[in-house]
Amino acid sequence: SAHDGGLEAALAAGNCVVIKPSEITPLTALKLAVLAKDIFPPGVLNVLFGRGQTVGDVLTGHEKVRMVSLTGSIATGEHILRHTAPAIKRTHMELGGKAPVIVFDDADLDAVAQGIRTFGFYNAGQDCTAACRIYAQRDVIIHYARIYIRAARYL
């Protein structure tokens, strides 16, 4: 996946890369390919579009694909593992974790709000450690919510 340095490392090591973005959000990968076309020789950075069950299965099952990296759902990760296991391909996965945050009444609420703002929205929230569920003690929940909303407005 691009956000963890996998794309850069693969290219730096001299590998060709095929990106198969989600069919729901393909435009970022398309923009990356457009920007990269003047940097890399043809065929080094490739983008394939289509549904995972068609294009993705062909891609992950191809004999020349030696590693598969995924940022996505647990169900998709399980599917890819089943599909790549017979060939013992390397995999790297960032799956749908969505980390909880607990805010206690003695916390520095401004610091917590800034931290959650940073780590909840990092990589558009597509990270298994993204702070997505916030639990606050009853005594501070209203005050914390106001601070967090104010912090999140300035993304």
N, C-alpha and C. Protein backbone atom coordinates (compact mmCIF):
# COMPACT_ATOMS: atom_id res chain seq x y z
N SER A 1 0.84 -1.18 0.00
CA SER A 1 0.00 0.00 0.00
C SER A 1 0.87 1.23 0.00
N ALA A 2 0.43 2.26 -0.64
CA ALA A 2 1.25 3.45 -0.83
C ALA A 2 1.56 4.17 0.47
N HIS A 3 0.65 4.20 1.42
CA HIS A 3 0.86 5.01 2.62
C HIS A 3 1.89 4.46 3.57
N ASP A 4 2.24 3.19 3.47
CA ASP A 4 3.22 2.62 4.40
C ASP A 4 4.61 2.51 3.79
N GLY A 5 4.82 3.09 2.63
CA GLY A 5 6.12 3.05 1.99
C GLY A 5 6.30 1.85 1.08
N GLY A 6 5.30 0.99 0.97
CA GLY A 6 5.43 -0.20 0.14
C GLY A 6 5.63 0.11 -1.33
N LEU A 7 4.90 1.07 -1.84
CA LEU A 7 5.02 1.46 -3.24
C LEU A 7 6.42 2.00 -3.51
N GLU A 8 6.86 2.93 -2.68
CA GLU A 8 8.17 3.54 -2.86
C GLU A 8 9.28 2.50 -2.76
N ALA A 9 9.19 1.62 -1.76
CA ALA A 9 10.22 0.60 -1.56
C ALA A 9 10.28 -0.35 -2.75
N ALA A 10 9.13 -0.75 -3.25
CA ALA A 10 9.09 -1.67 -4.39
C ALA A 10 9.73 -1.02 -5.62
N LEU A 11 9.41 0.23 -5.88
CA LEU A 11 9.98 0.93 -7.03
C LEU A 11 11.48 1.15 -6.84
N ALA A 12 11.90 1.54 -5.63
CA ALA A 12 13.32 1.78 -5.35
C ALA A 12 14.14 0.50 -5.51
N ALA A 13 13.53 -0.65 -5.25
CA ALA A 13 14.22 -1.93 -5.39
C ALA A 13 14.25 -2.42 -6.84
N GLY A 14 13.66 -1.64 -7.74
CA GLY A 14 13.70 -1.99 -9.16
C GLY A 14 12.55 -2.84 -9.64
N ASN A 15 11.51 -2.95 -8.85
CA ASN A 15 10.35 -3.74 -9.24
C ASN A 15 9.36 -2.93 -10.05
N CYS A 16 8.61 -3.61 -10.87
CA CYS A 16 7.45 -3.01 -11.51
C CYS A 16 6.28 -3.16 -10.54
N VAL A 17 5.36 -2.22 -10.57
CA VAL A 17 4.25 -2.19 -9.62
C VAL A 17 2.94 -2.08 -10.38
N VAL A 18 1.96 -2.83 -9.92
CA VAL A 18 0.60 -2.73 -10.44
C VAL A 18 -0.30 -2.31 -9.29
N ILE A 19 -0.99 -1.20 -9.46
CA ILE A 19 -1.93 -0.71 -8.46
C ILE A 19 -3.34 -1.04 -8.94
N LYS A 20 -4.13 -1.68 -8.07
CA LYS A 20 -5.54 -1.94 -8.37
C LYS A 20 -6.34 -1.24 -7.28
N PRO A 21 -6.75 0.01 -7.55
CA PRO A 21 -7.48 0.75 -6.51
C PRO A 21 -8.90 0.22 -6.34
N SER A 22 -9.50 0.60 -5.24
CA SER A 22 -10.91 0.29 -5.03
C SER A 22 -11.72 0.85 -6.19
N GLU A 23 -12.70 0.08 -6.62
CA GLU A 23 -13.57 0.57 -7.69
C GLU A 23 -14.41 1.76 -7.24
N ILE A 24 -14.49 1.97 -5.94
CA ILE A 24 -15.27 3.08 -5.40
C ILE A 24 -14.46 4.38 -5.42
N THR A 25 -13.13 4.28 -5.28
CA THR A 25 -12.28 5.47 -5.20
C THR A 25 -11.06 5.34 -6.10
N PRO A 26 -11.24 5.33 -7.41
CA PRO A 26 -10.10 5.10 -8.31
C PRO A 26 -9.29 6.33 -8.69
N LEU A 27 -9.79 7.52 -8.41
CA LEU A 27 -9.18 8.72 -8.98
C LEU A 27 -7.81 9.07 -8.42
N THR A 28 -7.54 8.75 -7.16
CA THR A 28 -6.22 9.03 -6.60
C THR A 28 -5.15 8.23 -7.33
N ALA A 29 -5.41 6.96 -7.57
CA ALA A 29 -4.45 6.12 -8.28
C ALA A 29 -4.27 6.60 -9.71
N LEU A 30 -5.34 7.05 -10.34
CA LEU A 30 -5.24 7.59 -11.69
C LEU A 30 -4.37 8.84 -11.70
N LYS A 31 -4.57 9.73 -10.74
CA LYS A 31 -3.76 10.95 -10.65
C LYS A 31 -2.29 10.59 -10.42
N LEU A 32 -2.01 9.60 -9.57
CA LEU A 32 -0.64 9.16 -9.33
C LEU A 32 -0.01 8.67 -10.63
N ALA A 33 -0.74 7.89 -11.40
CA ALA A 33 -0.23 7.37 -12.66
C ALA A 33 0.07 8.49 -13.65
N VAL A 34 -0.81 9.48 -13.71
CA VAL A 34 -0.59 10.62 -14.61
C VAL A 34 0.67 11.38 -14.20
N LEU A 35 0.84 11.61 -12.90
CA LEU A 35 2.03 12.32 -12.42
C LEU A 35 3.31 11.51 -12.65
N ALA A 36 3.21 10.20 -12.57
CA ALA A 36 4.39 9.33 -12.67
C ALA A 36 4.79 9.00 -14.11
N LYS A 37 3.94 9.29 -15.07
CA LYS A 37 4.22 8.86 -16.44
C LYS A 37 5.49 9.48 -17.03
N ASP A 38 5.86 10.66 -16.55
CA ASP A 38 7.09 11.30 -17.04
C ASP A 38 8.31 10.94 -16.19
N ILE A 39 8.10 10.18 -15.12
CA ILE A 39 9.20 9.83 -14.22
C ILE A 39 9.71 8.42 -14.49
N PHE A 40 8.80 7.49 -14.72
CA PHE A 40 9.16 6.08 -14.89
C PHE A 40 9.00 5.64 -16.33
N PRO A 41 9.81 4.69 -16.76
CA PRO A 41 9.62 4.14 -18.10
C PRO A 41 8.26 3.43 -18.20
N PRO A 42 7.72 3.30 -19.40
CA PRO A 42 6.44 2.61 -19.56
C PRO A 42 6.50 1.20 -18.96
N GLY A 43 5.43 0.83 -18.26
CA GLY A 43 5.33 -0.50 -17.69
C GLY A 43 5.86 -0.64 -16.28
N VAL A 44 6.50 0.39 -15.74
CA VAL A 44 7.04 0.30 -14.38
C VAL A 44 5.96 0.54 -13.34
N LEU A 45 5.15 1.57 -13.53
CA LEU A 45 4.04 1.86 -12.61
C LEU A 45 2.75 1.73 -13.41
N ASN A 46 1.95 0.76 -13.06
CA ASN A 46 0.74 0.44 -13.81
C ASN A 46 -0.48 0.53 -12.91
N VAL A 47 -1.61 0.92 -13.48
CA VAL A 47 -2.86 0.99 -12.73
C VAL A 47 -3.91 0.18 -13.49
N LEU A 48 -4.54 -0.75 -12.77
CA LEU A 48 -5.64 -1.53 -13.34
C LEU A 48 -6.92 -1.17 -12.61
N PHE A 49 -7.96 -0.90 -13.36
CA PHE A 49 -9.24 -0.56 -12.77
C PHE A 49 -10.22 -1.71 -12.97
N GLY A 50 -11.12 -1.86 -12.02
CA GLY A 50 -12.15 -2.89 -12.14
C GLY A 50 -12.51 -3.45 -10.79
N ARG A 51 -13.47 -4.35 -10.79
CA ARG A 51 -13.95 -4.96 -9.54
C ARG A 51 -12.91 -5.96 -9.03
N GLY A 52 -12.83 -6.04 -7.72
CA GLY A 52 -11.88 -6.93 -7.09
C GLY A 52 -12.07 -8.38 -7.46
N GLN A 53 -13.32 -8.82 -7.58
CA GLN A 53 -13.59 -10.23 -7.87
C GLN A 53 -13.26 -10.61 -9.31
N THR A 54 -13.01 -9.62 -10.16
CA THR A 54 -12.62 -9.94 -11.53
C THR A 54 -11.15 -9.56 -11.74
N VAL A 55 -10.87 -8.29 -11.78
CA VAL A 55 -9.51 -7.81 -12.01
C VAL A 55 -8.58 -8.20 -10.85
N GLY A 56 -9.04 -8.02 -9.62
CA GLY A 56 -8.21 -8.33 -8.46
C GLY A 56 -7.82 -9.79 -8.38
N ASP A 57 -8.76 -10.68 -8.66
CA ASP A 57 -8.46 -12.11 -8.61
C ASP A 57 -7.44 -12.51 -9.68
N VAL A 58 -7.58 -11.96 -10.87
CA VAL A 58 -6.62 -12.26 -11.93
C VAL A 58 -5.24 -11.72 -11.54
N LEU A 59 -5.22 -10.52 -11.01
CA LEU A 59 -3.95 -9.90 -10.62
C LEU A 59 -3.26 -10.68 -9.50
N THR A 60 -3.97 -10.97 -8.42
CA THR A 60 -3.34 -11.65 -7.28
C THR A 60 -2.98 -13.10 -7.61
N GLY A 61 -3.67 -13.68 -8.58
CA GLY A 61 -3.37 -15.06 -8.96
C GLY A 61 -2.31 -15.20 -10.03
N HIS A 62 -1.88 -14.08 -10.62
CA HIS A 62 -0.91 -14.15 -11.71
C HIS A 62 0.44 -14.65 -11.20
N GLU A 63 1.07 -15.52 -11.99
CA GLU A 63 2.33 -16.14 -11.56
C GLU A 63 3.47 -15.15 -11.37
N LYS A 64 3.45 -14.02 -12.06
CA LYS A 64 4.55 -13.06 -11.93
C LYS A 64 4.35 -12.07 -10.77
N VAL A 65 3.18 -12.07 -10.18
CA VAL A 65 2.94 -11.22 -9.01
C VAL A 65 3.51 -11.95 -7.80
N ARG A 66 4.50 -11.33 -7.15
CA ARG A 66 5.18 -12.00 -6.03
C ARG A 66 4.76 -11.46 -4.67
N MET A 67 4.13 -10.30 -4.65
CA MET A 67 3.66 -9.74 -3.38
C MET A 67 2.38 -8.97 -3.62
N VAL A 68 1.48 -9.05 -2.64
CA VAL A 68 0.21 -8.33 -2.70
C VAL A 68 0.08 -7.51 -1.43
N SER A 69 -0.20 -6.22 -1.60
CA SER A 69 -0.41 -5.32 -0.47
C SER A 69 -1.83 -4.77 -0.56
N LEU A 70 -2.52 -4.74 0.58
CA LEU A 70 -3.92 -4.31 0.59
C LEU A 70 -4.18 -3.37 1.75
N THR A 71 -4.88 -2.30 1.47
CA THR A 71 -5.52 -1.49 2.50
C THR A 71 -7.01 -1.65 2.24
N GLY A 72 -7.70 -2.34 3.13
CA GLY A 72 -9.11 -2.60 2.86
C GLY A 72 -9.78 -3.35 4.00
N SER A 73 -10.84 -4.02 3.65
CA SER A 73 -11.67 -4.69 4.66
C SER A 73 -11.08 -6.04 5.06
N ILE A 74 -11.52 -6.52 6.20
CA ILE A 74 -11.10 -7.83 6.67
C ILE A 74 -11.57 -8.91 5.70
N ALA A 75 -12.79 -8.78 5.19
CA ALA A 75 -13.31 -9.77 4.23
C ALA A 75 -12.45 -9.83 2.98
N THR A 76 -12.04 -8.68 2.46
CA THR A 76 -11.18 -8.67 1.27
C THR A 76 -9.82 -9.27 1.60
N GLY A 77 -9.29 -8.96 2.78
CA GLY A 77 -8.02 -9.54 3.20
C GLY A 77 -8.07 -11.05 3.27
N GLU A 78 -9.15 -11.59 3.84
CA GLU A 78 -9.31 -13.05 3.91
C GLU A 78 -9.38 -13.65 2.51
N HIS A 79 -10.11 -12.98 1.62
CA HIS A 79 -10.24 -13.47 0.24
C HIS A 79 -8.86 -13.51 -0.43
N ILE A 80 -8.10 -12.44 -0.28
CA ILE A 80 -6.78 -12.39 -0.90
C ILE A 80 -5.85 -13.45 -0.31
N LEU A 81 -5.90 -13.65 0.99
CA LEU A 81 -5.06 -14.68 1.61
C LEU A 81 -5.39 -16.07 1.06
N ARG A 82 -6.68 -16.37 0.93
CA ARG A 82 -7.07 -17.67 0.36
C ARG A 82 -6.58 -17.80 -1.09
N HIS A 83 -6.62 -16.69 -1.81
CA HIS A 83 -6.26 -16.70 -3.23
C HIS A 83 -4.75 -16.78 -3.43
N THR A 84 -3.96 -16.21 -2.53
CA THR A 84 -2.51 -16.18 -2.69
C THR A 84 -1.79 -17.31 -1.95
N ALA A 85 -2.47 -17.97 -1.02
CA ALA A 85 -1.83 -19.01 -0.21
C ALA A 85 -1.26 -20.18 -1.02
N PRO A 86 -1.95 -20.68 -2.04
CA PRO A 86 -1.39 -21.83 -2.77
C PRO A 86 -0.01 -21.55 -3.38
N ALA A 87 0.25 -20.31 -3.76
CA ALA A 87 1.55 -19.95 -4.34
C ALA A 87 2.51 -19.39 -3.28
N ILE A 88 2.07 -19.33 -2.04
CA ILE A 88 2.85 -18.79 -0.92
C ILE A 88 3.42 -17.41 -1.27
N LYS A 89 2.54 -16.52 -1.70
CA LYS A 89 2.95 -15.15 -2.02
C LYS A 89 3.03 -14.32 -0.75
N ARG A 90 3.94 -13.38 -0.75
CA ARG A 90 4.03 -12.45 0.38
C ARG A 90 2.83 -11.51 0.34
N THR A 91 2.33 -11.18 1.51
CA THR A 91 1.22 -10.23 1.61
C THR A 91 1.50 -9.22 2.71
N HIS A 92 0.96 -8.04 2.53
CA HIS A 92 1.00 -7.00 3.56
C HIS A 92 -0.40 -6.39 3.58
N MET A 93 -1.00 -6.33 4.77
CA MET A 93 -2.38 -5.86 4.83
C MET A 93 -2.60 -4.86 5.95
N GLU A 94 -3.34 -3.82 5.63
CA GLU A 94 -3.85 -2.85 6.59
C GLU A 94 -5.36 -3.05 6.55
N LEU A 95 -5.89 -3.75 7.54
CA LEU A 95 -7.31 -4.12 7.50
C LEU A 95 -8.13 -3.25 8.44
N GLY A 96 -9.42 -3.35 8.34
CA GLY A 96 -10.37 -2.46 9.00
C GLY A 96 -10.39 -2.46 10.51
N GLY A 97 -9.33 -2.04 11.15
CA GLY A 97 -9.26 -2.04 12.60
C GLY A 97 -10.08 -0.96 13.27
N LYS A 98 -9.86 0.28 12.91
CA LYS A 98 -10.58 1.42 13.47
C LYS A 98 -10.45 1.47 14.99
N ALA A 99 -9.39 2.06 15.45
CA ALA A 99 -9.02 2.07 16.86
C ALA A 99 -9.91 2.97 17.70
N PRO A 100 -10.26 2.51 18.90
CA PRO A 100 -11.02 3.35 19.84
C PRO A 100 -10.08 4.25 20.64
N VAL A 101 -10.61 5.37 21.08
CA VAL A 101 -9.88 6.30 21.96
C VAL A 101 -10.76 6.53 23.18
N ILE A 102 -10.15 6.46 24.36
CA ILE A 102 -10.88 6.71 25.60
C ILE A 102 -10.37 8.01 26.19
N VAL A 103 -11.28 8.94 26.47
CA VAL A 103 -10.92 10.25 27.02
C VAL A 103 -11.40 10.30 28.47
N PHE A 104 -10.43 10.39 29.38
CA PHE A 104 -10.76 10.48 30.80
C PHE A 104 -10.89 11.94 31.22
N ASP A 105 -11.54 12.16 32.35
CA ASP A 105 -11.81 13.53 32.78
C ASP A 105 -10.57 14.31 33.19
N ASP A 106 -9.43 13.66 33.39
CA ASP A 106 -8.21 14.38 33.75
C ASP A 106 -7.29 14.61 32.54
N ALA A 107 -7.77 14.30 31.33
CA ALA A 107 -6.96 14.45 30.12
C ALA A 107 -6.85 15.91 29.71
N ASP A 108 -5.76 16.22 28.99
CA ASP A 108 -5.61 17.53 28.35
C ASP A 108 -6.48 17.48 27.09
N LEU A 109 -7.69 18.01 27.18
CA LEU A 109 -8.67 17.85 26.10
C LEU A 109 -8.22 18.47 24.78
N ASP A 110 -7.52 19.59 24.84
CA ASP A 110 -7.01 20.19 23.60
C ASP A 110 -6.00 19.27 22.92
N ALA A 111 -5.10 18.69 23.70
CA ALA A 111 -4.09 17.77 23.14
C ALA A 111 -4.75 16.52 22.57
N VAL A 112 -5.75 16.00 23.27
CA VAL A 112 -6.46 14.82 22.78
C VAL A 112 -7.16 15.15 21.46
N ALA A 113 -7.82 16.29 21.39
CA ALA A 113 -8.53 16.69 20.17
C ALA A 113 -7.56 16.82 19.00
N GLN A 114 -6.40 17.43 19.23
CA GLN A 114 -5.41 17.58 18.16
C GLN A 114 -4.86 16.22 17.72
N GLY A 115 -4.62 15.34 18.69
CA GLY A 115 -4.12 14.01 18.36
C GLY A 115 -5.11 13.21 17.55
N ILE A 116 -6.36 13.25 17.95
CA ILE A 116 -7.38 12.50 17.21
C ILE A 116 -7.62 13.13 15.85
N ARG A 117 -7.53 14.44 15.78
CA ARG A 117 -7.66 15.12 14.49
C ARG A 117 -6.57 14.63 13.54
N THR A 118 -5.35 14.54 14.04
CA THR A 118 -4.23 14.09 13.22
C THR A 118 -4.36 12.62 12.85
N PHE A 119 -4.56 11.76 13.84
CA PHE A 119 -4.52 10.32 13.60
C PHE A 119 -5.86 9.74 13.15
N GLY A 120 -6.93 10.46 13.33
CA GLY A 120 -8.22 9.99 12.84
C GLY A 120 -8.41 10.23 11.36
N PHE A 121 -7.73 11.26 10.84
CA PHE A 121 -7.91 11.62 9.44
C PHE A 121 -6.68 11.34 8.59
N TYR A 122 -5.61 10.81 9.20
CA TYR A 122 -4.40 10.46 8.45
C TYR A 122 -4.77 9.51 7.32
N ASN A 123 -4.21 9.74 6.15
CA ASN A 123 -4.45 8.87 5.00
C ASN A 123 -5.94 8.73 4.71
N ALA A 124 -6.66 9.84 4.87
CA ALA A 124 -8.11 9.88 4.65
C ALA A 124 -8.85 8.88 5.54
N GLY A 125 -8.27 8.58 6.71
CA GLY A 125 -8.90 7.65 7.64
C GLY A 125 -8.75 6.19 7.26
N GLN A 126 -8.01 5.92 6.17
CA GLN A 126 -7.84 4.54 5.70
C GLN A 126 -6.58 3.93 6.30
N ASP A 127 -6.62 3.71 7.58
CA ASP A 127 -5.50 3.14 8.30
C ASP A 127 -6.07 2.31 9.43
N CYS A 128 -5.50 1.15 9.68
CA CYS A 128 -6.09 0.27 10.69
C CYS A 128 -5.96 0.82 12.10
N THR A 129 -5.14 1.84 12.28
CA THR A 129 -5.03 2.45 13.61
C THR A 129 -5.72 3.81 13.67
N ALA A 130 -6.50 4.15 12.67
CA ALA A 130 -7.19 5.44 12.66
C ALA A 130 -8.14 5.55 13.85
N ALA A 131 -8.06 6.67 14.54
CA ALA A 131 -8.92 6.91 15.71
C ALA A 131 -10.33 7.22 15.22
N CYS A 132 -11.21 6.24 15.31
CA CYS A 132 -12.55 6.39 14.74
C CYS A 132 -13.68 6.33 15.75
N ARG A 133 -13.43 5.75 16.90
CA ARG A 133 -14.46 5.67 17.94
C ARG A 133 -13.93 6.37 19.17
N ILE A 134 -14.67 7.35 19.64
CA ILE A 134 -14.23 8.14 20.80
C ILE A 134 -15.19 7.91 21.94
N TYR A 135 -14.64 7.47 23.06
CA TYR A 135 -15.43 7.28 24.28
C TYR A 135 -14.89 8.26 25.31
N ALA A 136 -15.77 9.12 25.83
CA ALA A 136 -15.35 10.10 26.83
C ALA A 136 -16.16 9.91 28.10
N GLN A 137 -15.50 10.19 29.23
CA GLN A 137 -16.23 10.11 30.49
C GLN A 137 -17.35 11.14 30.49
N ARG A 138 -18.42 10.79 31.15
CA ARG A 138 -19.64 11.60 31.17
C ARG A 138 -19.35 13.07 31.55
N ASP A 139 -18.46 13.30 32.50
CA ASP A 139 -18.19 14.66 32.99
C ASP A 139 -17.55 15.57 31.94
N VAL A 140 -16.91 15.00 30.92
CA VAL A 140 -16.20 15.85 29.94
C VAL A 140 -16.73 15.71 28.52
N ILE A 141 -17.70 14.88 28.30
CA ILE A 141 -18.10 14.56 26.92
C ILE A 141 -18.58 15.79 26.13
N ILE A 142 -19.40 16.62 26.72
CA ILE A 142 -19.91 17.80 26.00
C ILE A 142 -18.78 18.78 25.73
N HIS A 143 -17.98 19.06 26.75
CA HIS A 143 -16.86 19.99 26.59
C HIS A 143 -15.87 19.46 25.55
N TYR A 144 -15.55 18.16 25.64
CA TYR A 144 -14.62 17.57 24.68
C TYR A 144 -15.18 17.62 23.26
N ALA A 145 -16.45 17.32 23.09
CA ALA A 145 -17.06 17.34 21.76
C ALA A 145 -16.92 18.71 21.12
N ARG A 146 -17.12 19.76 21.88
CA ARG A 146 -16.97 21.13 21.34
C ARG A 146 -15.53 21.38 20.89
N ILE A 147 -14.57 20.98 21.72
CA ILE A 147 -13.16 21.18 21.37
C ILE A 147 -12.80 20.38 20.12
N TYR A 148 -13.26 19.14 20.05
CA TYR A 148 -12.94 18.28 18.91
C TYR A 148 -13.55 18.83 17.62
N ILE A 149 -14.79 19.26 17.68
CA ILE A 149 -15.44 19.83 16.49
C ILE A 149 -14.67 21.05 16.00
N ARG A 150 -14.25 21.90 16.92
CA ARG A 150 -13.47 23.09 16.56
C ARG A 150 -12.15 22.67 15.90
N ALA A 151 -11.48 21.67 16.44
CA ALA A 151 -10.21 21.21 15.87
C ALA A 151 -10.41 20.57 14.49
N ALA A 152 -11.46 19.79 14.33
CA ALA A 152 -11.70 19.08 13.07
C ALA A 152 -12.10 20.02 11.94
N ARG A 153 -12.64 21.16 12.27
CA ARG A 153 -13.04 22.12 11.22
C ARG A 153 -11.86 22.61 10.41
N TYR A 154 -10.68 22.59 11.00
CA TYR A 154 -9.50 23.16 10.35
C TYR A 154 -8.58 22.09 9.78
N LEU A 155 -9.15 21.10 9.14
CA LEU A 155 -8.35 20.05 8.50
C LEU A 155 -7.73 20.57 7.23
